[in-house]
Amino acid sequence: MIVHRSLAAMLGSLAALAALAVIGDRPSMVTVVEWIDYETLALLFGMMILVAIFSETGFFDYCAVKAYQLSRGRIWAMIFILCLIAAILSAFLDNVTTMLIFTPVTI
């Protein structure tokens, strides 16, 4: 990893605020705090905790091995199985949540 994700997010937000300051449309601190969507941050934080727990238990490895066994090593069958599992998860979970949970299985 070249740059830690938290550092990249902080640098990106700093760059955006710096660009606004350069063009003369610098927002106040109250406005910046109002832009923060705490519900989304809480959802992503909770899902990252779940993904970390699942990865520690080997759940993603188990799912990847099962998908490989079901496809019998055929690449298109495995792609179809992975897409089907992602579609089923997306029916019940948020899209971001599904991608956080499903990306380690795909990799």
PDB file of N, CA and C in Angstrom:
ATOM      1  N   MET A   1       0.848  -1.168   0.000  1.00  0.00           N
ATOM      2  CA  MET A   1       0.000   0.000   0.000  1.00  0.00           C
ATOM      3  C   MET A   1       0.900   1.239   0.000  1.00  0.00           C
ATOM      4  N   ILE A   2       0.659   2.119  -0.936  1.00  0.00           N
ATOM      5  CA  ILE A   2       1.489   3.310  -1.059  1.00  0.00           C
ATOM      6  C   ILE A   2       1.139   4.326   0.016  1.00  0.00           C
ATOM      7  N   VAL A   3      -0.150   4.638   0.149  1.00  0.00           N
ATOM      8  CA  VAL A   3      -0.620   5.601   1.138  1.00  0.00           C
ATOM      9  C   VAL A   3      -1.787   4.973   1.899  1.00  0.00           C
ATOM     10  N   HIS A   4      -1.812   5.150   3.191  1.00  0.00           N
ATOM     11  CA  HIS A   4      -2.910   4.610   3.995  1.00  0.00           C
ATOM     12  C   HIS A   4      -4.209   5.295   3.584  1.00  0.00           C
ATOM     13  N   ARG A   5      -5.310   4.537   3.612  1.00  0.00           N
ATOM     14  CA  ARG A   5      -6.606   5.056   3.157  1.00  0.00           C
ATOM     15  C   ARG A   5      -7.054   6.290   3.931  1.00  0.00           C
ATOM     16  N   SER A   6      -6.836   6.281   5.229  1.00  0.00           N
ATOM     17  CA  SER A   6      -7.252   7.436   6.035  1.00  0.00           C
ATOM     18  C   SER A   6      -6.485   8.683   5.637  1.00  0.00           C
ATOM     19  N   LEU A   7      -5.197   8.515   5.424  1.00  0.00           N
ATOM     20  CA  LEU A   7      -4.373   9.654   5.014  1.00  0.00           C
ATOM     21  C   LEU A   7      -4.803  10.156   3.637  1.00  0.00           C
ATOM     22  N   ALA A   8      -5.099   9.246   2.728  1.00  0.00           N
ATOM     23  CA  ALA A   8      -5.542   9.649   1.383  1.00  0.00           C
ATOM     24  C   ALA A   8      -6.864  10.413   1.450  1.00  0.00           C
ATOM     25  N   ALA A   9      -7.785   9.967   2.293  1.00  0.00           N
ATOM     26  CA  ALA A   9      -9.072  10.668   2.434  1.00  0.00           C
ATOM     27  C   ALA A   9      -8.867  12.058   3.017  1.00  0.00           C
ATOM     28  N   MET A  10      -8.025  12.167   4.030  1.00  0.00           N
ATOM     29  CA  MET A  10      -7.766  13.474   4.634  1.00  0.00           C
ATOM     30  C   MET A  10      -7.088  14.421   3.640  1.00  0.00           C
ATOM     31  N   LEU A  11      -6.117  13.911   2.886  1.00  0.00           N
ATOM     32  CA  LEU A  11      -5.441  14.750   1.896  1.00  0.00           C
ATOM     33  C   LEU A  11      -6.397  15.165   0.778  1.00  0.00           C
ATOM     34  N   GLY A  12      -7.291  14.273   0.376  1.00  0.00           N
ATOM     35  CA  GLY A  12      -8.273  14.617  -0.656  1.00  0.00           C
ATOM     36  C   GLY A  12      -9.226  15.704  -0.200  1.00  0.00           C
ATOM     37  N   SER A  13      -9.705  15.589   1.050  1.00  0.00           N
ATOM     38  CA  SER A  13     -10.620  16.622   1.555  1.00  0.00           C
ATOM     39  C   SER A  13      -9.885  17.940   1.746  1.00  0.00           C
ATOM     40  N   LEU A  14      -8.642  17.876   2.182  1.00  0.00           N
ATOM     41  CA  LEU A  14      -7.841  19.098   2.328  1.00  0.00           C
ATOM     42  C   LEU A  14      -7.613  19.757   0.971  1.00  0.00           C
ATOM     43  N   ALA A  15      -7.341  18.946  -0.051  1.00  0.00           N
ATOM     44  CA  ALA A  15      -7.142  19.498  -1.394  1.00  0.00           C
ATOM     45  C   ALA A  15      -8.418  20.149  -1.920  1.00  0.00           C
ATOM     46  N   ALA A  16      -9.572  19.528  -1.656  1.00  0.00           N
ATOM     47  CA  ALA A  16     -10.843  20.106  -2.104  1.00  0.00           C
ATOM     48  C   ALA A  16     -11.104  21.440  -1.415  1.00  0.00           C
ATOM     49  N   LEU A  17     -10.867  21.497  -0.099  1.00  0.00           N
ATOM     50  CA  LEU A  17     -11.058  22.761   0.621  1.00  0.00           C
ATOM     51  C   LEU A  17     -10.046  23.815   0.177  1.00  0.00           C
ATOM     52  N   ALA A  18      -8.811  23.390  -0.115  1.00  0.00           N
ATOM     53  CA  ALA A  18      -7.803  24.333  -0.606  1.00  0.00           C
ATOM     54  C   ALA A  18      -8.203  24.889  -1.970  1.00  0.00           C
ATOM     55  N   ALA A  19      -8.759  24.026  -2.837  1.00  0.00           N
ATOM     56  CA  ALA A  19      -9.202  24.493  -4.154  1.00  0.00           C
ATOM     57  C   ALA A  19     -10.340  25.499  -4.014  1.00  0.00           C
ATOM     58  N   LEU A  20     -11.254  25.264  -3.075  1.00  0.00           N
ATOM     59  CA  LEU A  20     -12.330  26.228  -2.836  1.00  0.00           C
ATOM     60  C   LEU A  20     -11.778  27.540  -2.287  1.00  0.00           C
ATOM     61  N   ALA A  21     -10.763  27.460  -1.435  1.00  0.00           N
ATOM     62  CA  ALA A  21     -10.170  28.676  -0.883  1.00  0.00           C
ATOM     63  C   ALA A  21      -9.465  29.478  -1.972  1.00  0.00           C
ATOM     64  N   VAL A  22      -8.831  28.797  -2.914  1.00  0.00           N
ATOM     65  CA  VAL A  22      -8.112  29.489  -3.992  1.00  0.00           C
ATOM     66  C   VAL A  22      -9.077  30.257  -4.890  1.00  0.00           C
ATOM     67  N   ILE A  23     -10.235  29.660  -5.175  1.00  0.00           N
ATOM     68  CA  ILE A  23     -11.175  30.354  -6.056  1.00  0.00           C
ATOM     69  C   ILE A  23     -12.030  31.366  -5.294  1.00  0.00           C
ATOM     70  N   GLY A  24     -11.807  31.484  -4.001  1.00  0.00           N
ATOM     71  CA  GLY A  24     -12.484  32.505  -3.216  1.00  0.00           C
ATOM     72  C   GLY A  24     -13.834  32.094  -2.665  1.00  0.00           C
ATOM     73  N   ASP A  25     -14.156  30.826  -2.704  1.00  0.00           N
ATOM     74  CA  ASP A  25     -15.450  30.348  -2.216  1.00  0.00           C
ATOM     75  C   ASP A  25     -15.247  29.433  -1.010  1.00  0.00           C
ATOM     76  N   ARG A  26     -14.387  29.875  -0.091  1.00  0.00           N
ATOM     77  CA  ARG A  26     -14.048  29.061   1.072  1.00  0.00           C
ATOM     78  C   ARG A  26     -15.235  28.971   2.019  1.00  0.00           C
ATOM     79  N   PRO A  27     -15.654  27.736   2.364  1.00  0.00           N
ATOM     80  CA  PRO A  27     -16.800  27.588   3.265  1.00  0.00           C
ATOM     81  C   PRO A  27     -16.384  27.790   4.721  1.00  0.00           C
ATOM     82  N   SER A  28     -17.357  28.107   5.553  1.00  0.00           N
ATOM     83  CA  SER A  28     -17.072  28.248   6.975  1.00  0.00           C
ATOM     84  C   SER A  28     -16.974  26.862   7.598  1.00  0.00           C
ATOM     85  N   MET A  29     -16.453  26.802   8.826  1.00  0.00           N
ATOM     86  CA  MET A  29     -16.309  25.525   9.514  1.00  0.00           C
ATOM     87  C   MET A  29     -17.675  24.889   9.775  1.00  0.00           C
ATOM     88  N   VAL A  30     -18.679  25.696  10.065  1.00  0.00           N
ATOM     89  CA  VAL A  30     -20.029  25.182  10.291  1.00  0.00           C
ATOM     90  C   VAL A  30     -20.556  24.510   9.019  1.00  0.00           C
ATOM     91  N   THR A  31     -20.314  25.118   7.870  1.00  0.00           N
ATOM     92  CA  THR A  31     -20.753  24.554   6.600  1.00  0.00           C
ATOM     93  C   THR A  31     -20.057  23.233   6.320  1.00  0.00           C
ATOM     94  N   VAL A  32     -18.766  23.180   6.590  1.00  0.00           N
ATOM     95  CA  VAL A  32     -18.010  21.950   6.362  1.00  0.00           C
ATOM     96  C   VAL A  32     -18.533  20.828   7.249  1.00  0.00           C
ATOM     97  N   VAL A  33     -18.832  21.123   8.497  1.00  0.00           N
ATOM     98  CA  VAL A  33     -19.360  20.109   9.412  1.00  0.00           C
ATOM     99  C   VAL A  33     -20.751  19.665   8.962  1.00  0.00           C
ATOM    100  N   GLU A  34     -21.542  20.583   8.399  1.00  0.00           N
ATOM    101  CA  GLU A  34     -22.864  20.219   7.895  1.00  0.00           C
ATOM    102  C   GLU A  34     -22.782  19.289   6.689  1.00  0.00           C
ATOM    103  N   TRP A  35     -21.685  19.324   5.946  1.00  0.00           N
ATOM    104  CA  TRP A  35     -21.512  18.462   4.781  1.00  0.00           C
ATOM    105  C   TRP A  35     -21.276  17.005   5.172  1.00  0.00           C
ATOM    106  N   ILE A  36     -20.868  16.759   6.383  1.00  0.00           N
ATOM    107  CA  ILE A  36     -20.542  15.400   6.821  1.00  0.00           C
ATOM    108  C   ILE A  36     -21.828  14.599   6.990  1.00  0.00           C
ATOM    109  N   ASP A  37     -21.885  13.446   6.377  1.00  0.00           N
ATOM    110  CA  ASP A  37     -23.042  12.557   6.494  1.00  0.00           C
ATOM    111  C   ASP A  37     -22.688  11.474   7.514  1.00  0.00           C
ATOM    112  N   TYR A  38     -23.112  11.687   8.750  1.00  0.00           N
ATOM    113  CA  TYR A  38     -22.718  10.793   9.840  1.00  0.00           C
ATOM    114  C   TYR A  38     -23.353   9.408   9.720  1.00  0.00           C
ATOM    115  N   GLU A  39     -24.545   9.329   9.141  1.00  0.00           N
ATOM    116  CA  GLU A  39     -25.188   8.026   8.974  1.00  0.00           C
ATOM    117  C   GLU A  39     -24.376   7.144   8.034  1.00  0.00           C
ATOM    118  N   THR A  40     -23.898   7.724   6.934  1.00  0.00           N
ATOM    119  CA  THR A  40     -23.085   6.965   5.987  1.00  0.00           C
ATOM    120  C   THR A  40     -21.767   6.553   6.619  1.00  0.00           C
ATOM    121  N   LEU A  41     -21.159   7.461   7.361  1.00  0.00           N
ATOM    122  CA  LEU A  41     -19.906   7.118   8.036  1.00  0.00           C
ATOM    123  C   LEU A  41     -20.109   5.990   9.044  1.00  0.00           C
ATOM    124  N   ALA A  42     -21.211   6.023   9.781  1.00  0.00           N
ATOM    125  CA  ALA A  42     -21.487   4.965  10.751  1.00  0.00           C
ATOM    126  C   ALA A  42     -21.739   3.638  10.043  1.00  0.00           C
ATOM    127  N   LEU A  43     -22.470   3.660   8.933  1.00  0.00           N
ATOM    128  CA  LEU A  43     -22.713   2.443   8.171  1.00  0.00           C
ATOM    129  C   LEU A  43     -21.414   1.843   7.652  1.00  0.00           C
ATOM    130  N   LEU A  44     -20.574   2.677   7.053  1.00  0.00           N
ATOM    131  CA  LEU A  44     -19.304   2.177   6.528  1.00  0.00           C
ATOM    132  C   LEU A  44     -18.392   1.679   7.640  1.00  0.00           C
ATOM    133  N   PHE A  45     -18.384   2.357   8.770  1.00  0.00           N
ATOM    134  CA  PHE A  45     -17.573   1.924   9.904  1.00  0.00           C
ATOM    135  C   PHE A  45     -18.030   0.553  10.399  1.00  0.00           C
ATOM    136  N   GLY A  46     -19.337   0.382  10.539  1.00  0.00           N
ATOM    137  CA  GLY A  46     -19.871  -0.903  10.982  1.00  0.00           C
ATOM    138  C   GLY A  46     -19.584  -2.020   9.988  1.00  0.00           C
ATOM    139  N   MET A  47     -19.714  -1.729   8.698  1.00  0.00           N
ATOM    140  CA  MET A  47     -19.446  -2.748   7.695  1.00  0.00           C
ATOM    141  C   MET A  47     -17.964  -3.102   7.641  1.00  0.00           C
ATOM    142  N   MET A  48     -17.102  -2.131   7.848  1.00  0.00           N
ATOM    143  CA  MET A  48     -15.664  -2.434   7.873  1.00  0.00           C
ATOM    144  C   MET A  48     -15.311  -3.307   9.067  1.00  0.00           C
ATOM    145  N   ILE A  49     -15.997  -3.099  10.180  1.00  0.00           N
ATOM    146  CA  ILE A  49     -15.785  -3.965  11.339  1.00  0.00           C
ATOM    147  C   ILE A  49     -16.230  -5.385  11.014  1.00  0.00           C
ATOM    148  N   LEU A  50     -17.408  -5.522  10.383  1.00  0.00           N
ATOM    149  CA  LEU A  50     -17.881  -6.857   9.998  1.00  0.00           C
ATOM    150  C   LEU A  50     -16.938  -7.535   9.010  1.00  0.00           C
ATOM    151  N   VAL A  51     -16.448  -6.789   8.038  1.00  0.00           N
ATOM    152  CA  VAL A  51     -15.520  -7.355   7.057  1.00  0.00           C
ATOM    153  C   VAL A  51     -14.233  -7.796   7.740  1.00  0.00           C
ATOM    154  N   ALA A  52     -13.739  -7.010   8.684  1.00  0.00           N
ATOM    155  CA  ALA A  52     -12.519  -7.396   9.406  1.00  0.00           C
ATOM    156  C   ALA A  52     -12.738  -8.665  10.215  1.00  0.00           C
ATOM    157  N   ILE A  53     -13.894  -8.784  10.858  1.00  0.00           N
ATOM    158  CA  ILE A  53     -14.193  -9.990  11.635  1.00  0.00           C
ATOM    159  C   ILE A  53     -14.331 -11.194  10.710  1.00  0.00           C
ATOM    160  N   PHE A  54     -15.051 -11.033   9.601  1.00  0.00           N
ATOM    161  CA  PHE A  54     -15.220 -12.141   8.659  1.00  0.00           C
ATOM    162  C   PHE A  54     -13.884 -12.588   8.067  1.00  0.00           C
ATOM    163  N   SER A  55     -13.005 -11.639   7.780  1.00  0.00           N
ATOM    164  CA  SER A  55     -11.717 -12.029   7.200  1.00  0.00           C
ATOM    165  C   SER A  55     -10.840 -12.757   8.216  1.00  0.00           C
ATOM    166  N   GLU A  56     -10.943 -12.381   9.492  1.00  0.00           N
ATOM    167  CA  GLU A  56     -10.185 -13.080  10.532  1.00  0.00           C
ATOM    168  C   GLU A  56     -10.661 -14.514  10.718  1.00  0.00           C
ATOM    169  N   THR A  57     -11.958 -14.755  10.538  1.00  0.00           N
ATOM    170  CA  THR A  57     -12.502 -16.101  10.738  1.00  0.00           C
ATOM    171  C   THR A  57     -12.301 -16.997   9.529  1.00  0.00           C
ATOM    172  N   GLY A  58     -11.891 -16.438   8.392  1.00  0.00           N
ATOM    173  CA  GLY A  58     -11.691 -17.246   7.190  1.00  0.00           C
ATOM    174  C   GLY A  58     -12.949 -17.430   6.361  1.00  0.00           C
ATOM    175  N   PHE A  59     -13.980 -16.642   6.634  1.00  0.00           N
ATOM    176  CA  PHE A  59     -15.238 -16.755   5.905  1.00  0.00           C
ATOM    177  C   PHE A  59     -15.057 -16.492   4.414  1.00  0.00           C
ATOM    178  N   PHE A  60     -14.262 -15.492   4.067  1.00  0.00           N
ATOM    179  CA  PHE A  60     -14.068 -15.146   2.663  1.00  0.00           C
ATOM    180  C   PHE A  60     -13.294 -16.237   1.932  1.00  0.00           C
ATOM    181  N   ASP A  61     -12.319 -16.824   2.598  1.00  0.00           N
ATOM    182  CA  ASP A  61     -11.582 -17.930   1.995  1.00  0.00           C
ATOM    183  C   ASP A  61     -12.506 -19.120   1.746  1.00  0.00           C
ATOM    184  N   TYR A  62     -13.368 -19.399   2.712  1.00  0.00           N
ATOM    185  CA  TYR A  62     -14.330 -20.491   2.563  1.00  0.00           C
ATOM    186  C   TYR A  62     -15.270 -20.233   1.388  1.00  0.00           C
ATOM    187  N   CYS A  63     -15.779 -19.008   1.278  1.00  0.00           N
ATOM    188  CA  CYS A  63     -16.683 -18.675   0.172  1.00  0.00           C
ATOM    189  C   CYS A  63     -15.974 -18.776  -1.176  1.00  0.00           C
ATOM    190  N   ALA A  64     -14.723 -18.334  -1.236  1.00  0.00           N
ATOM    191  CA  ALA A  64     -13.968 -18.404  -2.484  1.00  0.00           C
ATOM    192  C   ALA A  64     -13.718 -19.851  -2.883  1.00  0.00           C
ATOM    193  N   VAL A  65     -13.373 -20.700  -1.920  1.00  0.00           N
ATOM    194  CA  VAL A  65     -13.134 -22.116  -2.207  1.00  0.00           C
ATOM    195  C   VAL A  65     -14.432 -22.789  -2.652  1.00  0.00           C
ATOM    196  N   LYS A  66     -15.550 -22.472  -1.990  1.00  0.00           N
ATOM    197  CA  LYS A  66     -16.838 -23.051  -2.376  1.00  0.00           C
ATOM    198  C   LYS A  66     -17.229 -22.636  -3.796  1.00  0.00           C
ATOM    199  N   ALA A  67     -17.020 -21.376  -4.135  1.00  0.00           N
ATOM    200  CA  ALA A  67     -17.333 -20.908  -5.489  1.00  0.00           C
ATOM    201  C   ALA A  67     -16.471 -21.633  -6.516  1.00  0.00           C
ATOM    202  N   TYR A  68     -15.206 -21.865  -6.175  1.00  0.00           N
ATOM    203  CA  TYR A  68     -14.308 -22.578  -7.084  1.00  0.00           C
ATOM    204  C   TYR A  68     -14.736 -24.035  -7.223  1.00  0.00           C
ATOM    205  N   GLN A  69     -15.137 -24.659  -6.122  1.00  0.00           N
ATOM    206  CA  GLN A  69     -15.580 -26.056  -6.173  1.00  0.00           C
ATOM    207  C   GLN A  69     -16.865 -26.191  -6.989  1.00  0.00           C
ATOM    208  N   LEU A  70     -17.798 -25.277  -6.794  1.00  0.00           N
ATOM    209  CA  LEU A  70     -19.052 -25.336  -7.548  1.00  0.00           C
ATOM    210  C   LEU A  70     -18.831 -25.137  -9.044  1.00  0.00           C
ATOM    211  N   SER A  71     -17.865 -24.305  -9.398  1.00  0.00           N
ATOM    212  CA  SER A  71     -17.607 -24.041 -10.816  1.00  0.00           C
ATOM    213  C   SER A  71     -16.701 -25.090 -11.447  1.00  0.00           C
ATOM    214  N   ARG A  72     -16.108 -25.936 -10.619  1.00  0.00           N
ATOM    215  CA  ARG A  72     -15.188 -26.987 -11.087  1.00  0.00           C
ATOM    216  C   ARG A  72     -14.040 -26.424 -11.912  1.00  0.00           C
ATOM    217  N   GLY A  73     -13.600 -25.210 -11.563  1.00  0.00           N
ATOM    218  CA  GLY A  73     -12.450 -24.606 -12.216  1.00  0.00           C
ATOM    219  C   GLY A  73     -12.743 -23.898 -13.520  1.00  0.00           C
ATOM    220  N   ARG A  74     -13.993 -23.897 -13.954  1.00  0.00           N
ATOM    221  CA  ARG A  74     -14.342 -23.203 -15.197  1.00  0.00           C
ATOM    222  C   ARG A  74     -14.541 -21.723 -14.893  1.00  0.00           C
ATOM    223  N   ILE A  75     -13.849 -20.870 -15.619  1.00  0.00           N
ATOM    224  CA  ILE A  75     -13.812 -19.446 -15.298  1.00  0.00           C
ATOM    225  C   ILE A  75     -15.178 -18.788 -15.473  1.00  0.00           C
ATOM    226  N   TRP A  76     -15.907 -19.094 -16.563  1.00  0.00           N
ATOM    227  CA  TRP A  76     -17.191 -18.440 -16.792  1.00  0.00           C
ATOM    228  C   TRP A  76     -18.232 -18.901 -15.791  1.00  0.00           C
ATOM    229  N   ALA A  77     -18.155 -20.158 -15.388  1.00  0.00           N
ATOM    230  CA  ALA A  77     -19.078 -20.638 -14.359  1.00  0.00           C
ATOM    231  C   ALA A  77     -18.792 -19.947 -13.026  1.00  0.00           C
ATOM    232  N   MET A  78     -17.514 -19.744 -12.730  1.00  0.00           N
ATOM    233  CA  MET A  78     -17.162 -19.063 -11.485  1.00  0.00           C
ATOM    234  C   MET A  78     -17.602 -17.602 -11.512  1.00  0.00           C
ATOM    235  N   ILE A  79     -17.434 -16.939 -12.646  1.00  0.00           N
ATOM    236  CA  ILE A  79     -17.893 -15.554 -12.773  1.00  0.00           C
ATOM    237  C   ILE A  79     -19.408 -15.483 -12.579  1.00  0.00           C
ATOM    238  N   PHE A  80     -20.128 -16.435 -13.175  1.00  0.00           N
ATOM    239  CA  PHE A  80     -21.579 -16.466 -13.017  1.00  0.00           C
ATOM    240  C   PHE A  80     -21.975 -16.682 -11.557  1.00  0.00           C
ATOM    241  N   ILE A  81     -21.307 -17.596 -10.873  1.00  0.00           N
ATOM    242  CA  ILE A  81     -21.608 -17.863  -9.460  1.00  0.00           C
ATOM    243  C   ILE A  81     -21.322 -16.626  -8.605  1.00  0.00           C
ATOM    244  N   LEU A  82     -20.190 -15.978  -8.831  1.00  0.00           N
ATOM    245  CA  LEU A  82     -19.843 -14.785  -8.063  1.00  0.00           C
ATOM    246  C   LEU A  82     -20.839 -13.651  -8.320  1.00  0.00           C
ATOM    247  N   CYS A  83     -21.258 -13.487  -9.571  1.00  0.00           N
ATOM    248  CA  CYS A  83     -22.258 -12.456  -9.894  1.00  0.00           C
ATOM    249  C   CYS A  83     -23.606 -12.778  -9.253  1.00  0.00           C
ATOM    250  N   LEU A  84     -23.957 -14.056  -9.234  1.00  0.00           N
ATOM    251  CA  LEU A  84     -25.221 -14.463  -8.627  1.00  0.00           C
ATOM    252  C   LEU A  84     -25.212 -14.202  -7.120  1.00  0.00           C
ATOM    253  N   ILE A  85     -24.117 -14.528  -6.462  1.00  0.00           N
ATOM    254  CA  ILE A  85     -24.010 -14.277  -5.016  1.00  0.00           C
ATOM    255  C   ILE A  85     -24.057 -12.773  -4.737  1.00  0.00           C
ATOM    256  N   ALA A  86     -23.358 -11.990  -5.558  1.00  0.00           N
ATOM    257  CA  ALA A  86     -23.376 -10.534  -5.371  1.00  0.00           C
ATOM    258  C   ALA A  86     -24.777  -9.971  -5.588  1.00  0.00           C
ATOM    259  N   ALA A  87     -25.512 -10.508  -6.557  1.00  0.00           N
ATOM    260  CA  ALA A  87     -26.879 -10.036  -6.811  1.00  0.00           C
ATOM    261  C   ALA A  87     -27.794 -10.361  -5.638  1.00  0.00           C
ATOM    262  N   ILE A  88     -27.638 -11.552  -5.085  1.00  0.00           N
ATOM    263  CA  ILE A  88     -28.472 -11.933  -3.941  1.00  0.00           C
ATOM    264  C   ILE A  88     -28.144 -11.066  -2.730  1.00  0.00           C
ATOM    265  N   LEU A  89     -26.860 -10.825  -2.490  1.00  0.00           N
ATOM    266  CA  LEU A  89     -26.477  -9.950  -1.372  1.00  0.00           C
ATOM    267  C   LEU A  89     -26.985  -8.529  -1.584  1.00  0.00           C
ATOM    268  N   SER A  90     -26.946  -8.047  -2.820  1.00  0.00           N
ATOM    269  CA  SER A  90     -27.394  -6.682  -3.107  1.00  0.00           C
ATOM    270  C   SER A  90     -28.891  -6.518  -2.905  1.00  0.00           C
ATOM    271  N   ALA A  91     -29.642  -7.610  -2.997  1.00  0.00           N
ATOM    272  CA  ALA A  91     -31.080  -7.529  -2.784  1.00  0.00           C
ATOM    273  C   ALA A  91     -31.404  -7.225  -1.327  1.00  0.00           C
ATOM    274  N   PHE A  92     -30.524  -7.626  -0.424  1.00  0.00           N
ATOM    275  CA  PHE A  92     -30.795  -7.454   0.997  1.00  0.00           C
ATOM    276  C   PHE A  92     -29.928  -6.408   1.676  1.00  0.00           C
ATOM    277  N   LEU A  93     -28.767  -6.113   1.106  1.00  0.00           N
ATOM    278  CA  LEU A  93     -27.836  -5.171   1.724  1.00  0.00           C
ATOM    279  C   LEU A  93     -27.634  -3.969   0.819  1.00  0.00           C
ATOM    280  N   ASP A  94     -27.069  -2.930   1.377  1.00  0.00           N
ATOM    281  CA  ASP A  94     -26.686  -1.745   0.622  1.00  0.00           C
ATOM    282  C   ASP A  94     -25.582  -2.116  -0.372  1.00  0.00           C
ATOM    283  N   ASN A  95     -25.494  -1.400  -1.492  1.00  0.00           N
ATOM    284  CA  ASN A  95     -24.486  -1.709  -2.511  1.00  0.00           C
ATOM    285  C   ASN A  95     -23.064  -1.578  -1.981  1.00  0.00           C
ATOM    286  N   VAL A  96     -22.814  -0.541  -1.209  1.00  0.00           N
ATOM    287  CA  VAL A  96     -21.474  -0.359  -0.641  1.00  0.00           C
ATOM    288  C   VAL A  96     -21.150  -1.506   0.306  1.00  0.00           C
ATOM    289  N   THR A  97     -22.116  -1.905   1.102  1.00  0.00           N
ATOM    290  CA  THR A  97     -21.925  -3.018   2.023  1.00  0.00           C
ATOM    291  C   THR A  97     -21.619  -4.304   1.264  1.00  0.00           C
ATOM    292  N   THR A  98     -22.355  -4.540   0.205  1.00  0.00           N
ATOM    293  CA  THR A  98     -22.126  -5.739  -0.601  1.00  0.00           C
ATOM    294  C   THR A  98     -20.722  -5.751  -1.177  1.00  0.00           C
ATOM    295  N   MET A  99     -20.274  -4.624  -1.679  1.00  0.00           N
ATOM    296  CA  MET A  99     -18.933  -4.579  -2.255  1.00  0.00           C
ATOM    297  C   MET A  99     -17.849  -4.754  -1.189  1.00  0.00           C
ATOM    298  N   LEU A 100     -18.074  -4.174  -0.004  1.00  0.00           N
ATOM    299  CA  LEU A 100     -17.100  -4.365   1.081  1.00  0.00           C
ATOM    300  C   LEU A 100     -17.011  -5.828   1.487  1.00  0.00           C
ATOM    301  N   ILE A 101     -18.143  -6.506   1.518  1.00  0.00           N
ATOM    302  CA  ILE A 101     -18.144  -7.909   1.922  1.00  0.00           C
ATOM    303  C   ILE A 101     -17.647  -8.803   0.798  1.00  0.00           C
ATOM    304  N   PHE A 102     -17.973  -8.476  -0.443  1.00  0.00           N
ATOM    305  CA  PHE A 102     -17.741  -9.388  -1.550  1.00  0.00           C
ATOM    306  C   PHE A 102     -16.385  -9.226  -2.233  1.00  0.00           C
ATOM    307  N   THR A 103     -15.745  -8.087  -2.103  1.00  0.00           N
ATOM    308  CA  THR A 103     -14.453  -7.869  -2.759  1.00  0.00           C
ATOM    309  C   THR A 103     -13.394  -8.866  -2.320  1.00  0.00           C
ATOM    310  N   PRO A 104     -13.244  -9.177  -1.028  1.00  0.00           N
ATOM    311  CA  PRO A 104     -12.221 -10.187  -0.665  1.00  0.00           C
ATOM    312  C   PRO A 104     -12.506 -11.564  -1.248  1.00  0.00           C
ATOM    313  N   VAL A 105     -13.769 -11.919  -1.424  1.00  0.00           N
ATOM    314  CA  VAL A 105     -14.102 -13.219  -2.025  1.00  0.00           C
ATOM    315  C   VAL A 105     -13.668 -13.232  -3.481  1.00  0.00           C
ATOM    316  N   THR A 106     -13.927 -12.149  -4.192  1.00  0.00           N
ATOM    317  CA  THR A 106     -13.584 -12.079  -5.604  1.00  0.00           C
ATOM    318  C   THR A 106     -12.077 -12.107  -5.822  1.00  0.00           C
ATOM    319  N   ILE A 107     -11.361 -11.390  -4.988  1.00  0.00           N
ATOM    320  CA  ILE A 107      -9.897 -11.356  -5.137  1.00  0.00           C
ATOM    321  C   ILE A 107      -9.316 -12.710  -4.806  1.00  0.00           C
TER     322      ILE A 107
END
